[in-house]
Amino acid sequence: MEDEAQTVRDPMRIELSRSYEGLDGAFAELKFREPQARDFISSGLPVEMVPSEDGFDVRFKPEQMTRFLAKIAGRLPADIQMLSPNDWMAAAYACVPFFIPGARKPPSAPPSTSP
């Protein structure tokens, strides 16, 4: 449990698939600080928990998640909006443990559907 808590406290760095020219300058990674409750209050809760057969699914609220990512990365929302869909999703999934205790990043590849 201590290791899990420590992981959330440490700054989190997400390498992006390419460099972006943001309004605050070029960036090729996002470095997230640990969020505080005020970050959720000001940008809205960026996820919705939906019951499923496996327990629950996490669904992102794109507008709130974009504001949340910008806030904890110290970037402008317009910079986050420039990300490719893959980079945006990678950043969003990386932040799931911040607001869902015990949650882990999904696998990097979808499960195989072959028999």
N, C-alpha and C. Protein backbone atom coordinates (compact mmCIF):
# COMPACT_ATOMS: atom_id res chain seq x y z
N MET A 1 0.83 -1.19 0.00
CA MET A 1 0.00 0.00 0.00
C MET A 1 0.87 1.25 0.00
N GLU A 2 1.97 1.23 0.75
CA GLU A 2 2.86 2.39 0.79
C GLU A 2 3.46 2.68 -0.58
N ASP A 3 3.86 1.62 -1.32
CA ASP A 3 4.42 1.81 -2.65
C ASP A 3 3.40 2.46 -3.58
N GLU A 4 2.14 2.02 -3.50
CA GLU A 4 1.08 2.58 -4.33
C GLU A 4 0.88 4.05 -4.02
N ALA A 5 0.85 4.42 -2.74
CA ALA A 5 0.66 5.81 -2.35
C ALA A 5 1.84 6.66 -2.80
N GLN A 6 3.04 6.13 -2.69
CA GLN A 6 4.23 6.89 -3.10
C GLN A 6 4.21 7.16 -4.60
N THR A 7 3.75 6.20 -5.38
CA THR A 7 3.69 6.38 -6.83
C THR A 7 2.83 7.58 -7.19
N VAL A 8 1.71 7.76 -6.52
CA VAL A 8 0.83 8.87 -6.82
C VAL A 8 1.47 10.19 -6.42
N ARG A 9 2.24 10.23 -5.33
CA ARG A 9 2.86 11.47 -4.86
C ARG A 9 3.98 11.96 -5.78
N ASP A 10 4.71 11.04 -6.38
CA ASP A 10 5.82 11.43 -7.25
C ASP A 10 5.28 12.09 -8.51
N PRO A 11 6.02 13.09 -9.04
CA PRO A 11 5.58 13.66 -10.32
C PRO A 11 5.55 12.57 -11.38
N MET A 12 4.57 12.63 -12.22
CA MET A 12 4.40 11.64 -13.27
C MET A 12 4.77 12.27 -14.61
N ARG A 13 5.55 11.56 -15.38
CA ARG A 13 6.01 12.08 -16.67
C ARG A 13 5.46 11.18 -17.78
N ILE A 14 4.85 11.80 -18.79
CA ILE A 14 4.30 11.08 -19.93
C ILE A 14 5.06 11.53 -21.17
N GLU A 15 5.74 10.58 -21.81
CA GLU A 15 6.43 10.87 -23.08
C GLU A 15 5.37 10.87 -24.19
N LEU A 16 5.36 11.90 -24.99
CA LEU A 16 4.40 12.00 -26.08
C LEU A 16 5.00 11.40 -27.36
N SER A 17 4.15 11.09 -28.31
CA SER A 17 4.62 10.43 -29.54
C SER A 17 5.43 11.36 -30.44
N ARG A 18 5.29 12.65 -30.21
CA ARG A 18 6.04 13.64 -30.99
C ARG A 18 6.09 14.95 -30.22
N SER A 19 6.81 15.90 -30.74
CA SER A 19 6.88 17.23 -30.14
C SER A 19 5.72 18.08 -30.67
N TYR A 20 5.18 18.92 -29.80
CA TYR A 20 4.10 19.83 -30.16
C TYR A 20 4.57 21.26 -29.94
N GLU A 21 4.10 22.17 -30.77
CA GLU A 21 4.41 23.58 -30.60
C GLU A 21 3.22 24.22 -29.90
N GLY A 22 3.31 24.33 -28.58
CA GLY A 22 2.23 24.88 -27.79
C GLY A 22 2.31 26.39 -27.66
N LEU A 23 1.29 26.98 -27.10
CA LEU A 23 1.26 28.42 -26.89
C LEU A 23 2.32 28.85 -25.87
N ASP A 24 2.71 27.94 -24.98
CA ASP A 24 3.75 28.22 -23.99
C ASP A 24 5.11 27.69 -24.44
N GLY A 25 5.26 27.31 -25.70
CA GLY A 25 6.51 26.76 -26.20
C GLY A 25 6.38 25.29 -26.56
N ALA A 26 7.42 24.76 -27.17
CA ALA A 26 7.42 23.37 -27.61
C ALA A 26 7.46 22.42 -26.42
N PHE A 27 6.82 21.26 -26.59
CA PHE A 27 6.86 20.23 -25.54
C PHE A 27 6.72 18.86 -26.18
N ALA A 28 7.42 17.88 -25.61
CA ALA A 28 7.38 16.50 -26.10
C ALA A 28 7.02 15.54 -24.97
N GLU A 29 6.72 16.09 -23.81
CA GLU A 29 6.30 15.30 -22.66
C GLU A 29 5.38 16.15 -21.80
N LEU A 30 4.63 15.49 -20.95
CA LEU A 30 3.82 16.16 -19.95
C LEU A 30 4.30 15.67 -18.60
N LYS A 31 4.50 16.58 -17.69
CA LYS A 31 4.91 16.22 -16.33
C LYS A 31 3.79 16.67 -15.40
N PHE A 32 3.14 15.69 -14.78
CA PHE A 32 1.99 15.97 -13.93
C PHE A 32 2.40 16.04 -12.46
N ARG A 33 1.94 17.07 -11.79
CA ARG A 33 2.08 17.14 -10.34
C ARG A 33 0.91 16.38 -9.73
N GLU A 34 1.04 16.03 -8.45
CA GLU A 34 -0.09 15.38 -7.78
C GLU A 34 -1.23 16.39 -7.65
N PRO A 35 -2.42 16.01 -8.08
CA PRO A 35 -3.55 16.94 -7.98
C PRO A 35 -4.04 17.08 -6.55
N GLN A 36 -4.78 18.14 -6.35
CA GLN A 36 -5.46 18.40 -5.07
C GLN A 36 -6.95 18.46 -5.35
N ALA A 37 -7.75 18.37 -4.31
CA ALA A 37 -9.20 18.40 -4.48
C ALA A 37 -9.64 19.65 -5.25
N ARG A 38 -8.97 20.77 -5.02
CA ARG A 38 -9.35 22.01 -5.72
C ARG A 38 -9.25 21.87 -7.24
N ASP A 39 -8.36 20.98 -7.71
CA ASP A 39 -8.25 20.76 -9.15
C ASP A 39 -9.51 20.11 -9.71
N PHE A 40 -10.10 19.18 -8.97
CA PHE A 40 -11.35 18.55 -9.41
C PHE A 40 -12.50 19.54 -9.31
N ILE A 41 -12.49 20.32 -8.25
CA ILE A 41 -13.57 21.28 -8.05
C ILE A 41 -13.58 22.32 -9.16
N SER A 42 -12.40 22.82 -9.53
CA SER A 42 -12.34 23.88 -10.54
C SER A 42 -12.56 23.38 -11.96
N SER A 43 -12.16 22.15 -12.26
CA SER A 43 -12.31 21.67 -13.64
C SER A 43 -13.42 20.65 -13.81
N GLY A 44 -14.01 20.19 -12.73
CA GLY A 44 -15.03 19.16 -12.79
C GLY A 44 -14.39 17.78 -12.74
N LEU A 45 -15.09 16.81 -12.19
CA LEU A 45 -14.55 15.45 -12.11
C LEU A 45 -14.41 14.91 -13.53
N PRO A 46 -13.19 14.55 -13.94
CA PRO A 46 -12.95 14.20 -15.34
C PRO A 46 -13.31 12.77 -15.74
N VAL A 47 -13.80 11.97 -14.80
CA VAL A 47 -14.17 10.59 -15.13
C VAL A 47 -15.55 10.27 -14.58
N GLU A 48 -16.13 9.24 -15.16
CA GLU A 48 -17.39 8.70 -14.69
C GLU A 48 -17.19 7.21 -14.52
N MET A 49 -17.64 6.68 -13.40
CA MET A 49 -17.54 5.25 -13.13
C MET A 49 -18.84 4.59 -13.57
N VAL A 50 -18.74 3.62 -14.45
CA VAL A 50 -19.92 2.94 -14.98
C VAL A 50 -19.82 1.46 -14.62
N PRO A 51 -20.84 0.92 -13.91
CA PRO A 51 -20.80 -0.51 -13.56
C PRO A 51 -20.70 -1.38 -14.81
N SER A 52 -19.93 -2.46 -14.68
CA SER A 52 -19.79 -3.41 -15.78
C SER A 52 -19.68 -4.81 -15.19
N GLU A 53 -19.61 -5.80 -16.05
CA GLU A 53 -19.48 -7.19 -15.59
C GLU A 53 -18.20 -7.40 -14.80
N ASP A 54 -17.15 -6.67 -15.13
CA ASP A 54 -15.85 -6.81 -14.47
C ASP A 54 -15.71 -5.90 -13.25
N GLY A 55 -16.74 -5.20 -12.87
CA GLY A 55 -16.67 -4.28 -11.74
C GLY A 55 -17.11 -2.89 -12.15
N PHE A 56 -16.25 -2.19 -12.89
CA PHE A 56 -16.62 -0.87 -13.40
C PHE A 56 -15.72 -0.51 -14.57
N ASP A 57 -16.24 0.37 -15.40
CA ASP A 57 -15.47 0.95 -16.50
C ASP A 57 -15.28 2.42 -16.19
N VAL A 58 -14.17 2.95 -16.63
CA VAL A 58 -13.89 4.38 -16.48
C VAL A 58 -14.19 5.04 -17.81
N ARG A 59 -15.02 6.07 -17.78
CA ARG A 59 -15.31 6.84 -18.99
C ARG A 59 -14.85 8.27 -18.74
N PHE A 60 -14.15 8.80 -19.71
CA PHE A 60 -13.63 10.16 -19.59
C PHE A 60 -14.66 11.18 -20.05
N LYS A 61 -14.67 12.31 -19.38
CA LYS A 61 -15.43 13.48 -19.81
C LYS A 61 -14.40 14.38 -20.49
N PRO A 62 -14.38 14.43 -21.82
CA PRO A 62 -13.28 15.08 -22.54
C PRO A 62 -12.99 16.53 -22.15
N GLU A 63 -14.02 17.36 -22.01
CA GLU A 63 -13.77 18.77 -21.67
C GLU A 63 -13.15 18.90 -20.29
N GLN A 64 -13.71 18.18 -19.31
CA GLN A 64 -13.17 18.24 -17.95
C GLN A 64 -11.78 17.64 -17.89
N MET A 65 -11.55 16.53 -18.60
CA MET A 65 -10.23 15.90 -18.58
C MET A 65 -9.19 16.81 -19.21
N THR A 66 -9.54 17.49 -20.28
CA THR A 66 -8.60 18.40 -20.92
C THR A 66 -8.21 19.52 -19.96
N ARG A 67 -9.19 20.11 -19.27
CA ARG A 67 -8.88 21.17 -18.29
C ARG A 67 -8.05 20.62 -17.14
N PHE A 68 -8.38 19.41 -16.69
CA PHE A 68 -7.65 18.78 -15.59
C PHE A 68 -6.20 18.50 -15.99
N LEU A 69 -5.99 17.91 -17.17
CA LEU A 69 -4.63 17.61 -17.63
C LEU A 69 -3.81 18.90 -17.73
N ALA A 70 -4.41 19.94 -18.29
CA ALA A 70 -3.71 21.21 -18.42
C ALA A 70 -3.31 21.76 -17.06
N LYS A 71 -4.22 21.69 -16.12
CA LYS A 71 -3.97 22.25 -14.78
C LYS A 71 -2.82 21.53 -14.08
N ILE A 72 -2.84 20.19 -14.07
CA ILE A 72 -1.80 19.49 -13.32
C ILE A 72 -0.49 19.37 -14.09
N ALA A 73 -0.52 19.68 -15.40
CA ALA A 73 0.71 19.67 -16.19
C ALA A 73 1.31 21.07 -16.31
N GLY A 74 0.59 22.09 -15.83
CA GLY A 74 1.08 23.46 -15.95
C GLY A 74 1.10 23.95 -17.39
N ARG A 75 0.17 23.45 -18.19
CA ARG A 75 0.06 23.86 -19.60
C ARG A 75 -1.28 24.56 -19.79
N LEU A 76 -1.43 25.21 -20.92
CA LEU A 76 -2.71 25.81 -21.27
C LEU A 76 -3.63 24.74 -21.85
N PRO A 77 -4.96 24.85 -21.63
CA PRO A 77 -5.87 23.87 -22.23
C PRO A 77 -5.70 23.77 -23.75
N ALA A 78 -5.40 24.87 -24.42
CA ALA A 78 -5.19 24.83 -25.87
C ALA A 78 -4.02 23.92 -26.24
N ASP A 79 -3.01 23.85 -25.38
CA ASP A 79 -1.88 22.94 -25.64
C ASP A 79 -2.33 21.49 -25.58
N ILE A 80 -3.15 21.16 -24.60
CA ILE A 80 -3.65 19.79 -24.46
C ILE A 80 -4.56 19.43 -25.63
N GLN A 81 -5.32 20.40 -26.12
CA GLN A 81 -6.21 20.16 -27.26
C GLN A 81 -5.44 19.85 -28.54
N MET A 82 -4.16 20.22 -28.62
CA MET A 82 -3.33 19.93 -29.80
C MET A 82 -2.86 18.48 -29.86
N LEU A 83 -2.93 17.76 -28.74
CA LEU A 83 -2.41 16.40 -28.71
C LEU A 83 -3.15 15.49 -29.69
N SER A 84 -2.42 14.52 -30.20
CA SER A 84 -3.08 13.50 -31.02
C SER A 84 -4.04 12.72 -30.12
N PRO A 85 -5.04 12.06 -30.68
CA PRO A 85 -5.92 11.26 -29.85
C PRO A 85 -5.16 10.22 -29.01
N ASN A 86 -4.14 9.59 -29.58
CA ASN A 86 -3.37 8.60 -28.81
C ASN A 86 -2.64 9.24 -27.64
N ASP A 87 -2.02 10.39 -27.85
CA ASP A 87 -1.32 11.06 -26.76
C ASP A 87 -2.29 11.54 -25.69
N TRP A 88 -3.45 12.06 -26.11
CA TRP A 88 -4.45 12.52 -25.14
C TRP A 88 -4.93 11.35 -24.29
N MET A 89 -5.23 10.22 -24.94
CA MET A 89 -5.71 9.04 -24.19
C MET A 89 -4.63 8.51 -23.26
N ALA A 90 -3.38 8.48 -23.71
CA ALA A 90 -2.29 8.01 -22.85
C ALA A 90 -2.18 8.89 -21.61
N ALA A 91 -2.29 10.20 -21.79
CA ALA A 91 -2.22 11.12 -20.65
C ALA A 91 -3.42 10.93 -19.72
N ALA A 92 -4.60 10.79 -20.29
CA ALA A 92 -5.81 10.62 -19.48
C ALA A 92 -5.74 9.32 -18.68
N TYR A 93 -5.38 8.20 -19.32
CA TYR A 93 -5.29 6.93 -18.60
C TYR A 93 -4.20 6.95 -17.54
N ALA A 94 -3.13 7.66 -17.79
CA ALA A 94 -2.05 7.74 -16.80
C ALA A 94 -2.52 8.42 -15.52
N CYS A 95 -3.52 9.29 -15.63
CA CYS A 95 -4.02 10.04 -14.47
C CYS A 95 -5.11 9.31 -13.70
N VAL A 96 -5.63 8.21 -14.22
CA VAL A 96 -6.71 7.49 -13.54
C VAL A 96 -6.37 7.17 -12.08
N PRO A 97 -5.16 6.71 -11.74
CA PRO A 97 -4.87 6.40 -10.33
C PRO A 97 -4.97 7.61 -9.40
N PHE A 98 -4.92 8.82 -9.93
CA PHE A 98 -5.07 10.01 -9.08
C PHE A 98 -6.45 10.07 -8.44
N PHE A 99 -7.48 9.60 -9.12
CA PHE A 99 -8.82 9.74 -8.57
C PHE A 99 -9.58 8.44 -8.41
N ILE A 100 -8.95 7.31 -8.72
CA ILE A 100 -9.57 6.01 -8.47
C ILE A 100 -8.54 5.15 -7.75
N PRO A 101 -8.60 5.09 -6.42
CA PRO A 101 -7.61 4.31 -5.67
C PRO A 101 -7.54 2.87 -6.15
N GLY A 102 -6.33 2.38 -6.33
CA GLY A 102 -6.11 1.01 -6.74
C GLY A 102 -6.21 0.78 -8.24
N ALA A 103 -6.60 1.81 -8.98
CA ALA A 103 -6.70 1.65 -10.43
C ALA A 103 -5.31 1.62 -11.04
N ARG A 104 -5.19 0.89 -12.11
CA ARG A 104 -3.92 0.82 -12.83
C ARG A 104 -4.13 1.24 -14.27
N LYS A 105 -3.04 1.61 -14.92
CA LYS A 105 -3.11 1.92 -16.34
C LYS A 105 -3.56 0.67 -17.08
N PRO A 106 -4.34 0.84 -18.16
CA PRO A 106 -4.75 -0.31 -18.95
C PRO A 106 -3.54 -0.88 -19.69
N PRO A 107 -3.65 -2.10 -20.18
CA PRO A 107 -2.54 -2.67 -20.94
C PRO A 107 -2.25 -1.82 -22.17
N SER A 108 -1.01 -1.87 -22.64
CA SER A 108 -0.62 -1.05 -23.79
C SER A 108 -1.26 -1.54 -25.08
N ALA A 109 -1.65 -2.78 -25.13
CA ALA A 109 -2.32 -3.32 -26.31
C ALA A 109 -3.63 -3.95 -25.88
N PRO A 110 -4.67 -3.86 -26.73
CA PRO A 110 -5.93 -4.50 -26.36
C PRO A 110 -5.78 -6.01 -26.30
N PRO A 111 -6.61 -6.67 -25.50
CA PRO A 111 -6.53 -8.12 -25.41
C PRO A 111 -6.81 -8.77 -26.76
N SER A 112 -6.22 -9.88 -26.99
CA SER A 112 -6.41 -10.61 -28.24
C SER A 112 -7.82 -11.18 -28.29
N THR A 113 -8.41 -11.15 -29.47
CA THR A 113 -9.75 -11.73 -29.63
C THR A 113 -9.68 -13.04 -30.39
N SER A 114 -8.48 -13.49 -30.72
CA SER A 114 -8.36 -14.76 -31.45
C SER A 114 -8.53 -15.94 -30.50
N PRO A 115 -9.11 -17.05 -30.99
CA PRO A 115 -9.37 -18.21 -30.12
C PRO A 115 -8.12 -18.94 -29.71
